[in-house]
C-alpha cells in the first residue's frame, strides 16, 4: 500500500515520506468511509494505518532528540488535535517502556487563516495571551499541515517574544507549493502535492474532521460545504 511513497532526506536531521505529484490515491471502496462523505471525496490519499505508523516513528525521533528535557507540547488547533493526541499516546508509551523518558505537559493555541479552500493571507492567533507560560521551556509545536510556512513563521515569531529555551516543530504534512516561503519543520510526516486534503482532523469549513483517512476533496464536496 505504501509503494507510492519515497523517502526524502532533508538538510535537517529527520526524513520525510514524499507522495509524488502524480499520485492519484486509492479507491474509496477499498476503505471504510462514512456514508455522509462518500459523494464528497475523490480518493484516499493517506490511509489511517499509514498515518499511525508514521506518527509512531516521529514519536521515537522526538524522544531520541529531546529526551531528558521537560517538554511542553503545544497543539495547534483545530486541525492538529488528532495528530497531537495520537503523537502524545506514542510518546507516553515510549515513556512507559524505555529507559529514556520525557516529562511532558500540554498547552493549546488556535490559528486561523483559511476560508473555504483558499488562504485569507491573514493569520489570526487565538490564545496568544497565555504563551507567557512557555518562557524558559522546551516547546514542541504540533501542527497538522505546513503549506506556505507563513502561518508557522508567524507563530514562531510570536513565541520568540516569550523567550522559550528551545522550540521544535513537528508537522504531519508539508505541502510542496510554489507559494512556499522556504520554511520547513524539524520533523515531517509526509510531503504532499499541492492539492486540498481533508480528514484526520483536517477540515473544509469545519467538515471532514471526523474522517479517519486523509482524502482528496472533490468539487461536489467543495460546493456542498462552501460558506
N, C-alpha and C. Protein backbone atom coordinates (compact mmCIF):
# COMPACT_ATOMS: atom_id res chain seq x y z
N UNK A 1 0.82 -1.21 0.00
CA UNK A 1 0.00 0.00 0.00
C UNK A 1 0.85 1.26 0.00
N UNK A 2 2.04 1.17 0.63
CA UNK A 2 2.90 2.35 0.72
C UNK A 2 3.94 2.41 -0.39
N UNK A 3 3.73 1.66 -1.47
CA UNK A 3 4.72 1.60 -2.53
C UNK A 3 4.91 2.94 -3.22
N UNK A 4 3.90 3.81 -3.17
CA UNK A 4 3.99 5.09 -3.85
C UNK A 4 4.83 6.09 -3.07
N UNK A 5 5.23 5.74 -1.86
CA UNK A 5 5.96 6.67 -1.03
C UNK A 5 7.46 6.56 -1.25
N UNK A 6 8.13 7.69 -1.22
CA UNK A 6 9.56 7.75 -1.36
C UNK A 6 10.14 8.44 -0.14
N UNK A 7 11.27 7.94 0.35
CA UNK A 7 11.92 8.59 1.48
C UNK A 7 12.74 9.76 0.97
N UNK A 8 12.55 10.91 1.58
CA UNK A 8 13.30 12.10 1.21
C UNK A 8 14.05 12.60 2.43
N UNK A 9 15.36 12.76 2.30
CA UNK A 9 16.16 13.26 3.39
C UNK A 9 16.41 14.74 3.16
N UNK A 10 16.08 15.56 4.14
CA UNK A 10 16.31 17.00 4.04
C UNK A 10 17.64 17.34 4.67
N UNK A 11 17.97 18.65 4.69
CA UNK A 11 19.18 19.10 5.33
C UNK A 11 19.08 18.95 6.84
N UNK A 12 17.89 18.79 7.34
CA UNK A 12 17.70 18.59 8.77
C UNK A 12 17.96 17.13 9.13
N UNK A 13 17.89 16.85 10.44
CA UNK A 13 18.25 15.52 10.91
C UNK A 13 17.17 14.50 10.61
N UNK A 14 15.98 14.93 10.21
CA UNK A 14 14.89 13.99 10.01
C UNK A 14 14.60 13.76 8.53
N UNK A 15 13.93 12.65 8.26
CA UNK A 15 13.47 12.33 6.92
C UNK A 15 11.96 12.56 6.84
N UNK A 16 11.45 12.55 5.64
CA UNK A 16 10.01 12.60 5.44
C UNK A 16 9.65 11.58 4.39
N UNK A 17 8.37 11.24 4.32
CA UNK A 17 7.86 10.37 3.28
C UNK A 17 7.20 11.24 2.22
N UNK A 18 7.66 11.13 1.00
CA UNK A 18 7.20 12.01 -0.07
C UNK A 18 6.16 11.31 -0.93
N UNK A 19 5.02 11.96 -1.09
CA UNK A 19 3.98 11.48 -2.00
C UNK A 19 4.14 12.24 -3.31
N UNK A 20 4.43 11.55 -4.42
CA UNK A 20 4.71 12.23 -5.70
C UNK A 20 3.53 13.06 -6.19
N UNK A 21 3.82 14.04 -7.02
CA UNK A 21 2.78 14.91 -7.56
C UNK A 21 1.77 14.16 -8.43
N UNK A 22 2.20 13.07 -9.05
CA UNK A 22 1.30 12.32 -9.94
C UNK A 22 0.55 11.20 -9.21
N UNK A 23 0.66 11.13 -7.90
CA UNK A 23 -0.05 10.10 -7.15
C UNK A 23 -1.55 10.38 -7.16
N UNK A 24 -2.34 9.40 -7.58
CA UNK A 24 -3.79 9.57 -7.72
C UNK A 24 -4.57 9.10 -6.49
N UNK A 25 -3.91 8.41 -5.57
CA UNK A 25 -4.60 7.92 -4.39
C UNK A 25 -5.24 6.56 -4.59
N UNK A 26 -6.03 6.16 -3.60
CA UNK A 26 -6.65 4.83 -3.58
C UNK A 26 -8.17 4.95 -3.68
N UNK A 27 -8.80 3.97 -4.31
CA UNK A 27 -10.25 3.98 -4.47
C UNK A 27 -10.95 3.97 -3.11
N UNK A 28 -12.02 4.73 -3.01
CA UNK A 28 -12.75 4.84 -1.75
C UNK A 28 -13.31 3.50 -1.29
N UNK A 29 -13.72 2.65 -2.24
CA UNK A 29 -14.37 1.39 -1.85
C UNK A 29 -13.40 0.37 -1.27
N UNK A 30 -12.12 0.72 -1.19
CA UNK A 30 -11.15 -0.15 -0.52
C UNK A 30 -11.09 0.13 0.98
N UNK A 31 -11.78 1.18 1.43
CA UNK A 31 -11.69 1.61 2.82
C UNK A 31 -13.08 1.86 3.39
N UNK A 32 -13.13 2.02 4.72
CA UNK A 32 -14.39 2.36 5.39
C UNK A 32 -14.53 3.88 5.42
N UNK A 33 -15.46 4.39 4.62
CA UNK A 33 -15.71 5.82 4.52
C UNK A 33 -17.12 6.10 5.04
N UNK A 34 -17.30 7.10 5.91
CA UNK A 34 -18.65 7.43 6.37
C UNK A 34 -19.59 7.72 5.19
N UNK A 35 -20.79 7.21 5.27
CA UNK A 35 -21.76 7.35 4.18
C UNK A 35 -22.00 8.81 3.80
N UNK A 36 -21.99 9.69 4.80
CA UNK A 36 -22.32 11.09 4.52
C UNK A 36 -21.22 11.81 3.75
N UNK A 37 -20.06 11.16 3.57
CA UNK A 37 -18.97 11.79 2.82
C UNK A 37 -18.64 11.06 1.51
N UNK A 38 -19.31 9.98 1.21
CA UNK A 38 -18.93 9.17 0.05
C UNK A 38 -18.98 9.94 -1.26
N UNK A 39 -19.93 10.86 -1.41
CA UNK A 39 -20.07 11.60 -2.66
C UNK A 39 -19.20 12.86 -2.70
N UNK A 40 -18.48 13.12 -1.61
CA UNK A 40 -17.72 14.38 -1.50
C UNK A 40 -16.22 14.19 -1.66
N UNK A 41 -15.79 12.94 -1.81
CA UNK A 41 -14.36 12.63 -1.86
C UNK A 41 -13.99 11.98 -3.17
N UNK A 42 -12.79 12.23 -3.61
CA UNK A 42 -12.29 11.63 -4.85
C UNK A 42 -11.54 10.34 -4.56
N UNK A 43 -10.48 10.43 -3.75
CA UNK A 43 -9.64 9.27 -3.44
C UNK A 43 -9.15 9.35 -2.00
N UNK A 44 -8.69 8.22 -1.48
CA UNK A 44 -7.96 8.20 -0.21
C UNK A 44 -6.49 8.42 -0.54
N UNK A 45 -5.91 9.48 -0.01
CA UNK A 45 -4.51 9.77 -0.29
C UNK A 45 -3.57 9.08 0.71
N UNK A 46 -3.88 9.18 2.02
CA UNK A 46 -3.05 8.54 3.05
C UNK A 46 -3.97 7.77 3.98
N UNK A 47 -3.93 6.44 3.95
CA UNK A 47 -4.78 5.64 4.82
C UNK A 47 -4.42 5.84 6.30
N UNK A 48 -5.42 5.63 7.15
CA UNK A 48 -5.25 5.86 8.58
C UNK A 48 -4.12 5.02 9.18
N UNK A 49 -4.02 3.76 8.78
CA UNK A 49 -2.98 2.90 9.33
C UNK A 49 -1.58 3.42 9.04
N UNK A 50 -1.39 3.97 7.85
CA UNK A 50 -0.09 4.52 7.48
C UNK A 50 0.21 5.78 8.28
N UNK A 51 -0.82 6.60 8.53
CA UNK A 51 -0.65 7.78 9.37
C UNK A 51 -0.16 7.37 10.76
N UNK A 52 -0.78 6.34 11.32
CA UNK A 52 -0.42 5.91 12.67
C UNK A 52 1.00 5.37 12.73
N UNK A 53 1.40 4.60 11.75
CA UNK A 53 2.75 4.05 11.74
C UNK A 53 3.80 5.16 11.64
N UNK A 54 3.53 6.13 10.77
CA UNK A 54 4.46 7.24 10.61
C UNK A 54 4.51 8.10 11.88
N UNK A 55 3.37 8.27 12.54
CA UNK A 55 3.31 9.04 13.78
C UNK A 55 4.14 8.38 14.88
N UNK A 56 4.08 7.06 14.95
CA UNK A 56 4.89 6.34 15.93
C UNK A 56 6.38 6.57 15.69
N UNK A 57 6.77 6.57 14.41
CA UNK A 57 8.18 6.81 14.08
C UNK A 57 8.60 8.22 14.48
N UNK A 58 7.73 9.20 14.24
CA UNK A 58 8.02 10.57 14.64
C UNK A 58 8.19 10.68 16.16
N UNK A 59 7.33 9.98 16.89
CA UNK A 59 7.43 9.99 18.36
C UNK A 59 8.79 9.46 18.81
N UNK A 60 9.26 8.41 18.18
CA UNK A 60 10.58 7.86 18.53
C UNK A 60 11.68 8.86 18.24
N UNK A 61 11.60 9.55 17.10
CA UNK A 61 12.62 10.53 16.75
C UNK A 61 12.63 11.69 17.76
N UNK A 62 11.45 12.12 18.17
CA UNK A 62 11.35 13.23 19.12
C UNK A 62 11.93 12.84 20.47
N UNK A 63 11.61 11.65 20.95
CA UNK A 63 12.15 11.18 22.22
C UNK A 63 13.67 11.08 22.14
N UNK A 64 14.17 10.60 21.02
CA UNK A 64 15.62 10.46 20.85
C UNK A 64 16.31 11.81 20.90
N UNK A 65 15.72 12.82 20.28
CA UNK A 65 16.35 14.13 20.18
C UNK A 65 16.11 15.01 21.40
N UNK A 66 14.93 14.90 22.01
CA UNK A 66 14.55 15.82 23.08
C UNK A 66 14.44 15.13 24.43
N UNK A 67 14.77 13.85 24.49
CA UNK A 67 14.67 13.10 25.74
C UNK A 67 15.55 13.68 26.83
N UNK A 68 15.06 13.59 28.07
CA UNK A 68 15.81 14.12 29.19
C UNK A 68 15.44 15.54 29.54
N UNK A 69 14.62 16.19 28.72
CA UNK A 69 14.19 17.56 28.97
C UNK A 69 12.68 17.59 29.17
N UNK A 70 12.22 18.46 30.04
CA UNK A 70 10.78 18.69 30.17
C UNK A 70 10.29 19.35 28.88
N UNK A 71 9.28 18.75 28.27
CA UNK A 71 8.73 19.27 27.02
C UNK A 71 7.31 19.78 27.24
N UNK A 72 7.04 20.97 26.73
CA UNK A 72 5.66 21.46 26.65
C UNK A 72 5.20 21.23 25.21
N UNK A 73 4.27 20.33 25.02
CA UNK A 73 3.72 20.04 23.69
C UNK A 73 2.59 21.02 23.42
N UNK A 74 2.77 21.86 22.41
CA UNK A 74 1.81 22.91 22.08
C UNK A 74 1.01 22.51 20.86
N UNK A 75 -0.24 22.19 21.05
CA UNK A 75 -1.11 21.75 19.96
C UNK A 75 -1.70 22.95 19.23
N UNK A 76 -1.56 22.96 17.91
CA UNK A 76 -2.18 23.99 17.08
C UNK A 76 -3.57 23.51 16.68
N UNK A 77 -4.59 24.13 17.24
CA UNK A 77 -5.97 23.76 16.98
C UNK A 77 -6.51 24.48 15.74
N UNK A 78 -7.55 23.97 15.08
CA UNK A 78 -8.23 22.75 15.45
C UNK A 78 -7.66 21.53 14.71
N UNK A 79 -7.05 21.77 13.55
CA UNK A 79 -6.65 20.67 12.70
C UNK A 79 -5.62 19.74 13.29
N UNK A 80 -4.85 20.22 14.27
CA UNK A 80 -3.79 19.39 14.82
C UNK A 80 -4.20 18.48 15.95
N UNK A 81 -5.48 18.54 16.39
CA UNK A 81 -5.84 17.84 17.62
C UNK A 81 -5.71 16.33 17.52
N UNK A 82 -6.05 15.75 16.37
CA UNK A 82 -6.00 14.30 16.23
C UNK A 82 -4.55 13.81 16.17
N UNK A 83 -3.74 14.46 15.36
CA UNK A 83 -2.32 14.13 15.28
C UNK A 83 -1.65 14.33 16.64
N UNK A 84 -2.00 15.40 17.33
CA UNK A 84 -1.47 15.70 18.65
C UNK A 84 -1.78 14.57 19.63
N UNK A 85 -3.04 14.15 19.67
CA UNK A 85 -3.45 13.11 20.61
C UNK A 85 -2.73 11.79 20.33
N UNK A 86 -2.65 11.42 19.05
CA UNK A 86 -2.01 10.15 18.71
C UNK A 86 -0.50 10.20 18.94
N UNK A 87 0.12 11.35 18.61
CA UNK A 87 1.56 11.50 18.84
C UNK A 87 1.88 11.40 20.33
N UNK A 88 1.09 12.06 21.16
CA UNK A 88 1.33 12.00 22.60
C UNK A 88 1.10 10.61 23.16
N UNK A 89 0.13 9.88 22.61
CA UNK A 89 -0.07 8.50 23.05
C UNK A 89 1.17 7.66 22.79
N UNK A 90 1.80 7.84 21.64
CA UNK A 90 3.03 7.10 21.33
C UNK A 90 4.18 7.55 22.23
N UNK A 91 4.28 8.84 22.50
CA UNK A 91 5.34 9.32 23.39
C UNK A 91 5.14 8.77 24.80
N UNK A 92 3.90 8.74 25.26
CA UNK A 92 3.62 8.19 26.59
C UNK A 92 3.95 6.70 26.66
N UNK A 93 3.67 5.98 25.57
CA UNK A 93 4.02 4.56 25.52
C UNK A 93 5.53 4.36 25.60
N UNK A 94 6.27 5.21 24.90
CA UNK A 94 7.73 5.14 24.96
C UNK A 94 8.23 5.49 26.36
N UNK A 95 7.60 6.44 27.01
CA UNK A 95 7.97 6.79 28.38
C UNK A 95 7.80 5.60 29.32
N UNK A 96 6.75 4.82 29.09
CA UNK A 96 6.47 3.68 29.96
C UNK A 96 7.42 2.52 29.71
N UNK A 97 7.89 2.39 28.47
CA UNK A 97 8.56 1.15 28.07
C UNK A 97 10.03 1.30 27.69
N UNK A 98 10.64 2.41 28.04
CA UNK A 98 12.05 2.59 27.71
C UNK A 98 12.78 3.24 28.88
N UNK A 99 14.11 3.16 28.87
CA UNK A 99 14.92 3.74 29.93
C UNK A 99 14.98 5.25 29.83
N UNK A 100 14.74 5.80 28.63
CA UNK A 100 14.81 7.23 28.41
C UNK A 100 13.39 7.78 28.30
N UNK A 101 13.00 8.62 29.26
CA UNK A 101 11.65 9.15 29.25
C UNK A 101 11.68 10.67 29.32
N UNK A 102 10.54 11.28 28.97
CA UNK A 102 10.44 12.73 28.86
C UNK A 102 9.28 13.24 29.70
N UNK A 103 9.53 14.11 30.69
CA UNK A 103 8.42 14.77 31.38
C UNK A 103 7.65 15.63 30.37
N UNK A 104 6.33 15.50 30.37
CA UNK A 104 5.54 16.10 29.30
C UNK A 104 4.33 16.82 29.86
N UNK A 105 4.15 18.07 29.44
CA UNK A 105 2.92 18.81 29.73
C UNK A 105 2.38 19.33 28.40
N UNK A 106 1.13 19.80 28.42
CA UNK A 106 0.49 20.19 27.16
C UNK A 106 -0.11 21.59 27.27
N UNK A 107 -0.22 22.23 26.12
CA UNK A 107 -0.89 23.53 26.01
C UNK A 107 -1.50 23.60 24.61
N UNK A 108 -2.34 24.63 24.39
CA UNK A 108 -3.08 24.70 23.14
C UNK A 108 -3.12 26.13 22.62
N UNK A 109 -3.12 26.24 21.30
CA UNK A 109 -3.27 27.54 20.64
C UNK A 109 -4.08 27.30 19.37
N UNK A 110 -4.79 28.32 18.94
CA UNK A 110 -5.57 28.19 17.71
C UNK A 110 -5.15 29.25 16.71
N UNK A 111 -4.90 28.81 15.48
CA UNK A 111 -4.56 29.70 14.38
C UNK A 111 -5.61 29.55 13.30
N UNK A 112 -5.99 30.65 12.66
CA UNK A 112 -6.99 30.59 11.60
C UNK A 112 -6.53 31.43 10.42
N UNK A 113 -6.47 30.78 9.23
CA UNK A 113 -6.02 31.53 8.05
C UNK A 113 -6.75 31.10 6.78
N UNK A 114 -7.79 30.21 6.90
CA UNK A 114 -8.47 29.70 5.71
C UNK A 114 -9.96 29.99 5.73
N UNK A 115 -10.50 30.23 4.54
CA UNK A 115 -11.94 30.27 4.30
C UNK A 115 -12.19 29.46 3.04
N UNK A 116 -13.10 28.50 3.09
CA UNK A 116 -13.26 27.52 2.01
C UNK A 116 -11.91 26.84 1.79
N UNK A 117 -11.41 26.76 0.56
CA UNK A 117 -10.12 26.11 0.32
C UNK A 117 -9.04 27.12 -0.03
N UNK A 118 -9.25 28.39 0.31
CA UNK A 118 -8.29 29.44 -0.02
C UNK A 118 -7.77 30.12 1.24
N UNK A 119 -6.47 30.42 1.25
CA UNK A 119 -5.88 31.15 2.35
C UNK A 119 -6.34 32.60 2.31
N UNK A 120 -6.63 33.15 3.49
CA UNK A 120 -7.01 34.56 3.58
C UNK A 120 -5.79 35.47 3.66
N UNK A 121 -4.60 34.86 3.79
CA UNK A 121 -3.34 35.60 3.94
C UNK A 121 -3.32 36.47 5.20
N UNK A 122 -4.24 36.19 6.09
CA UNK A 122 -4.29 36.91 7.36
C UNK A 122 -4.36 35.87 8.48
N UNK A 123 -3.29 35.74 9.25
CA UNK A 123 -3.21 34.73 10.29
C UNK A 123 -3.75 35.28 11.60
N UNK A 124 -4.79 34.65 12.12
CA UNK A 124 -5.35 35.05 13.40
C UNK A 124 -4.87 34.08 14.47
N UNK A 125 -4.27 34.60 15.53
CA UNK A 125 -3.79 33.80 16.63
C UNK A 125 -4.74 33.96 17.80
N UNK A 126 -5.30 32.84 18.26
CA UNK A 126 -6.26 32.86 19.37
C UNK A 126 -5.62 32.14 20.54
N UNK A 127 -5.53 32.78 21.67
CA UNK A 127 -4.92 32.18 22.85
C UNK A 127 -3.50 32.64 23.10
N UNK A 128 -3.04 33.64 22.35
CA UNK A 128 -1.66 34.10 22.48
C UNK A 128 -1.34 34.73 23.82
N UNK A 129 -2.35 35.22 24.54
CA UNK A 129 -2.10 35.86 25.83
C UNK A 129 -1.58 34.88 26.87
N UNK A 130 -1.75 33.58 26.64
CA UNK A 130 -1.33 32.58 27.61
C UNK A 130 0.06 32.02 27.32
N UNK A 131 0.71 32.49 26.28
CA UNK A 131 2.00 31.94 25.88
C UNK A 131 3.13 32.34 26.80
N UNK A 132 2.91 33.28 27.71
CA UNK A 132 3.96 33.68 28.64
C UNK A 132 4.41 32.51 29.52
N UNK A 133 3.55 31.50 29.68
CA UNK A 133 3.91 30.33 30.49
C UNK A 133 4.99 29.48 29.83
N UNK A 134 5.31 29.75 28.56
CA UNK A 134 6.32 28.97 27.84
C UNK A 134 7.72 29.54 28.01
N UNK A 135 7.85 30.62 28.73
CA UNK A 135 9.16 31.23 28.95
C UNK A 135 10.11 30.24 29.62
N UNK A 136 11.30 30.06 29.01
CA UNK A 136 12.31 29.16 29.57
C UNK A 136 12.04 27.69 29.37
N UNK A 137 10.99 27.33 28.62
CA UNK A 137 10.60 25.93 28.44
C UNK A 137 11.09 25.40 27.09
N UNK A 138 11.17 24.07 27.00
CA UNK A 138 11.41 23.38 25.74
C UNK A 138 10.06 23.09 25.11
N UNK A 139 9.79 23.70 23.97
CA UNK A 139 8.46 23.66 23.36
C UNK A 139 8.47 22.82 22.09
N UNK A 140 7.52 21.90 22.00
CA UNK A 140 7.30 21.12 20.78
C UNK A 140 5.96 21.55 20.20
N UNK A 141 5.99 22.28 19.09
CA UNK A 141 4.76 22.70 18.41
C UNK A 141 4.28 21.56 17.53
N UNK A 142 3.03 21.18 17.68
CA UNK A 142 2.45 20.06 16.93
C UNK A 142 1.40 20.63 15.97
N UNK A 143 1.67 20.52 14.68
CA UNK A 143 0.84 21.11 13.63
C UNK A 143 0.35 20.01 12.70
N UNK A 144 -0.82 20.24 12.08
CA UNK A 144 -1.33 19.25 11.13
C UNK A 144 -0.68 19.39 9.75
N UNK A 145 -0.56 20.64 9.25
CA UNK A 145 -0.04 20.84 7.89
C UNK A 145 0.67 22.19 7.79
N UNK A 146 1.80 22.19 7.10
CA UNK A 146 2.52 23.41 6.76
C UNK A 146 2.40 23.59 5.25
N UNK A 147 1.87 24.71 4.82
CA UNK A 147 1.69 24.98 3.39
C UNK A 147 2.70 26.04 2.94
N UNK A 148 2.36 27.30 3.00
CA UNK A 148 3.34 28.32 2.62
C UNK A 148 4.42 28.47 3.69
N UNK A 149 4.10 28.11 4.91
CA UNK A 149 5.03 28.26 6.02
C UNK A 149 4.86 29.57 6.77
N UNK A 150 4.08 30.48 6.22
CA UNK A 150 3.96 31.81 6.83
C UNK A 150 3.19 31.77 8.16
N UNK A 151 2.21 30.88 8.24
CA UNK A 151 1.47 30.76 9.49
C UNK A 151 2.39 30.32 10.62
N UNK A 152 3.22 29.29 10.35
CA UNK A 152 4.14 28.82 11.38
C UNK A 152 5.20 29.86 11.70
N UNK A 153 5.68 30.58 10.69
CA UNK A 153 6.66 31.62 10.95
C UNK A 153 6.06 32.73 11.82
N UNK A 154 4.77 33.03 11.63
CA UNK A 154 4.09 34.00 12.47
C UNK A 154 4.05 33.52 13.92
N UNK A 155 3.72 32.25 14.11
CA UNK A 155 3.66 31.69 15.46
C UNK A 155 5.04 31.66 16.10
N UNK A 156 6.07 31.25 15.35
CA UNK A 156 7.42 31.21 15.89
C UNK A 156 7.90 32.60 16.29
N UNK A 157 7.55 33.59 15.49
CA UNK A 157 7.92 34.96 15.82
C UNK A 157 7.23 35.41 17.10
N UNK A 158 5.96 35.03 17.23
CA UNK A 158 5.21 35.36 18.43
C UNK A 158 5.83 34.70 19.66
N UNK A 159 6.18 33.41 19.52
CA UNK A 159 6.76 32.66 20.63
C UNK A 159 8.10 33.22 21.07
N UNK A 160 8.89 33.70 20.12
CA UNK A 160 10.23 34.20 20.45
C UNK A 160 10.16 35.35 21.44
N UNK A 161 9.06 36.07 21.44
CA UNK A 161 8.90 37.17 22.37
C UNK A 161 8.73 36.73 23.81
N UNK A 162 8.46 35.43 24.02
CA UNK A 162 8.30 34.90 25.37
C UNK A 162 9.53 34.13 25.84
N UNK A 163 10.59 34.13 25.03
CA UNK A 163 11.88 33.56 25.39
C UNK A 163 11.84 32.10 25.86
N UNK A 164 11.29 31.20 25.02
CA UNK A 164 11.39 29.78 25.36
C UNK A 164 12.84 29.32 25.27
N UNK A 165 13.17 28.25 26.00
CA UNK A 165 14.54 27.73 25.96
C UNK A 165 14.84 27.11 24.60
N UNK A 166 13.89 26.36 24.05
CA UNK A 166 14.07 25.68 22.78
C UNK A 166 12.70 25.49 22.14
N UNK A 167 12.63 25.58 20.82
CA UNK A 167 11.38 25.34 20.10
C UNK A 167 11.65 24.40 18.93
N UNK A 168 10.90 23.30 18.86
CA UNK A 168 10.92 22.39 17.72
C UNK A 168 9.52 22.29 17.17
N UNK A 169 9.40 22.04 15.87
CA UNK A 169 8.09 21.92 15.23
C UNK A 169 7.98 20.56 14.55
N UNK A 170 6.88 19.87 14.82
CA UNK A 170 6.55 18.64 14.10
C UNK A 170 5.24 18.86 13.36
N UNK A 171 5.24 18.55 12.07
CA UNK A 171 4.03 18.68 11.26
C UNK A 171 3.75 17.36 10.55
N UNK A 172 2.52 16.92 10.63
CA UNK A 172 2.16 15.67 9.95
C UNK A 172 2.37 15.80 8.45
N UNK A 173 1.97 16.95 7.88
CA UNK A 173 2.05 17.16 6.44
C UNK A 173 2.81 18.43 6.11
N UNK A 174 3.55 18.39 5.01
CA UNK A 174 4.15 19.58 4.42
C UNK A 174 3.78 19.58 2.95
N UNK A 175 3.21 20.68 2.49
CA UNK A 175 2.75 20.76 1.10
C UNK A 175 3.85 21.35 0.21
N UNK A 176 4.10 20.66 -0.92
CA UNK A 176 5.02 21.21 -1.91
C UNK A 176 4.27 22.23 -2.77
N UNK A 177 4.64 23.48 -2.66
CA UNK A 177 3.93 24.52 -3.39
C UNK A 177 4.88 25.65 -3.76
N UNK A 178 4.62 26.25 -4.90
CA UNK A 178 5.43 27.39 -5.35
C UNK A 178 5.23 28.60 -4.45
N UNK A 179 4.20 28.58 -3.62
CA UNK A 179 3.91 29.68 -2.71
C UNK A 179 4.69 29.57 -1.40
N UNK A 180 5.49 28.51 -1.26
CA UNK A 180 6.21 28.28 -0.02
C UNK A 180 7.22 29.39 0.28
N UNK A 181 7.33 29.74 1.54
CA UNK A 181 8.33 30.72 1.99
C UNK A 181 9.70 30.08 2.15
N UNK A 182 9.76 28.76 2.03
CA UNK A 182 11.01 28.04 2.24
C UNK A 182 11.14 27.44 3.63
N UNK A 183 10.18 27.73 4.52
CA UNK A 183 10.23 27.19 5.88
C UNK A 183 9.95 25.69 5.87
N UNK A 184 10.70 24.94 6.69
CA UNK A 184 10.47 23.51 6.88
C UNK A 184 10.52 23.18 8.36
N UNK A 185 9.57 22.36 8.84
CA UNK A 185 9.58 21.96 10.25
C UNK A 185 10.77 21.06 10.58
N UNK A 186 11.00 20.87 11.86
CA UNK A 186 12.08 19.99 12.31
C UNK A 186 11.75 18.53 12.08
N UNK A 187 10.48 18.18 12.20
CA UNK A 187 10.01 16.80 11.99
C UNK A 187 8.83 16.84 11.02
N UNK A 188 8.87 15.97 10.03
CA UNK A 188 7.84 15.94 8.99
C UNK A 188 7.32 14.52 8.81
N UNK A 189 6.00 14.38 8.77
CA UNK A 189 5.42 13.07 8.49
C UNK A 189 5.45 12.76 7.01
N UNK A 190 4.67 13.51 6.23
CA UNK A 190 4.54 13.28 4.79
C UNK A 190 4.69 14.59 4.03
N UNK A 191 5.35 14.55 2.89
CA UNK A 191 5.34 15.67 1.95
C UNK A 191 4.31 15.36 0.88
N UNK A 192 3.41 16.30 0.62
CA UNK A 192 2.27 16.04 -0.25
C UNK A 192 2.24 17.01 -1.42
N UNK A 193 1.55 16.64 -2.50
CA UNK A 193 1.37 17.56 -3.64
C UNK A 193 0.54 18.77 -3.24
N UNK A 194 0.48 19.75 -4.12
CA UNK A 194 -0.26 20.98 -3.87
C UNK A 194 -1.73 20.78 -4.21
N UNK A 195 -2.40 19.99 -3.38
CA UNK A 195 -3.83 19.74 -3.52
C UNK A 195 -4.49 19.90 -2.15
N UNK A 196 -5.81 20.08 -2.14
CA UNK A 196 -6.53 20.30 -0.89
C UNK A 196 -6.98 18.95 -0.34
N UNK A 197 -6.52 18.64 0.87
CA UNK A 197 -6.83 17.37 1.50
C UNK A 197 -7.66 17.58 2.76
N UNK A 198 -8.48 16.59 3.07
CA UNK A 198 -9.31 16.63 4.28
C UNK A 198 -9.22 15.29 4.99
N UNK A 199 -9.66 15.30 6.24
CA UNK A 199 -9.68 14.07 7.02
C UNK A 199 -8.61 14.05 8.08
N UNK A 200 -8.76 13.15 9.05
CA UNK A 200 -7.84 13.05 10.18
C UNK A 200 -7.71 14.43 10.83
N UNK A 201 -8.82 15.10 11.02
CA UNK A 201 -8.99 16.41 11.64
C UNK A 201 -8.68 17.59 10.72
N UNK A 202 -8.17 17.35 9.50
CA UNK A 202 -8.05 18.44 8.53
C UNK A 202 -9.45 18.72 7.98
N UNK A 203 -9.85 20.00 7.98
CA UNK A 203 -11.24 20.30 7.66
C UNK A 203 -11.40 21.11 6.39
N UNK A 204 -12.64 21.16 5.95
CA UNK A 204 -13.09 22.12 4.94
C UNK A 204 -14.31 22.79 5.55
N UNK A 205 -14.13 24.03 6.04
CA UNK A 205 -15.19 24.76 6.73
C UNK A 205 -15.80 23.94 7.86
N UNK A 206 -14.92 23.30 8.64
CA UNK A 206 -15.24 22.51 9.83
C UNK A 206 -15.77 21.11 9.53
N UNK A 207 -15.99 20.75 8.30
CA UNK A 207 -16.41 19.39 7.96
C UNK A 207 -15.20 18.51 7.69
N UNK A 208 -15.41 17.19 7.76
CA UNK A 208 -14.42 16.15 7.46
C UNK A 208 -13.41 15.91 8.58
N UNK A 209 -13.54 16.59 9.71
CA UNK A 209 -12.65 16.29 10.83
C UNK A 209 -12.91 14.89 11.37
N UNK A 210 -14.11 14.37 11.16
CA UNK A 210 -14.49 13.05 11.66
C UNK A 210 -14.15 11.93 10.67
N UNK A 211 -13.34 12.21 9.68
CA UNK A 211 -12.90 11.21 8.69
C UNK A 211 -11.55 10.67 9.11
N UNK A 212 -11.40 9.34 9.16
CA UNK A 212 -10.16 8.74 9.67
C UNK A 212 -8.99 8.87 8.70
N UNK A 213 -9.26 8.71 7.41
CA UNK A 213 -8.20 8.76 6.40
C UNK A 213 -8.01 10.20 5.90
N UNK A 214 -6.86 10.47 5.30
CA UNK A 214 -6.64 11.75 4.64
C UNK A 214 -7.00 11.57 3.17
N UNK A 215 -7.95 12.37 2.69
CA UNK A 215 -8.55 12.15 1.37
C UNK A 215 -8.52 13.41 0.51
N UNK A 216 -8.72 13.20 -0.79
CA UNK A 216 -8.81 14.30 -1.74
C UNK A 216 -10.27 14.74 -1.82
N UNK A 217 -10.52 16.01 -1.58
CA UNK A 217 -11.86 16.57 -1.65
C UNK A 217 -12.24 16.84 -3.10
N UNK A 218 -13.45 16.42 -3.51
CA UNK A 218 -13.86 16.68 -4.88
C UNK A 218 -14.71 17.95 -4.98
N UNK A 219 -15.08 18.33 -6.19
CA UNK A 219 -15.82 19.57 -6.41
C UNK A 219 -17.20 19.54 -5.77
N UNK A 220 -17.81 18.36 -5.74
CA UNK A 220 -19.11 18.23 -5.11
C UNK A 220 -19.03 18.60 -3.63
N UNK A 221 -17.99 18.11 -2.97
CA UNK A 221 -17.80 18.41 -1.56
C UNK A 221 -17.51 19.89 -1.33
N UNK A 222 -16.72 20.49 -2.22
CA UNK A 222 -16.40 21.92 -2.07
C UNK A 222 -17.66 22.78 -2.17
N UNK A 223 -18.53 22.42 -3.11
CA UNK A 223 -19.75 23.20 -3.28
C UNK A 223 -20.75 22.96 -2.17
N UNK A 224 -20.85 21.71 -1.71
CA UNK A 224 -21.84 21.36 -0.69
C UNK A 224 -21.56 22.09 0.63
N UNK A 225 -20.29 22.19 0.99
CA UNK A 225 -19.93 22.75 2.29
C UNK A 225 -19.32 24.15 2.20
N UNK A 226 -19.47 24.79 1.06
CA UNK A 226 -18.94 26.14 0.87
C UNK A 226 -19.71 27.14 1.73
N UNK A 227 -18.99 28.13 2.27
CA UNK A 227 -19.66 29.17 3.05
C UNK A 227 -19.66 30.50 2.31
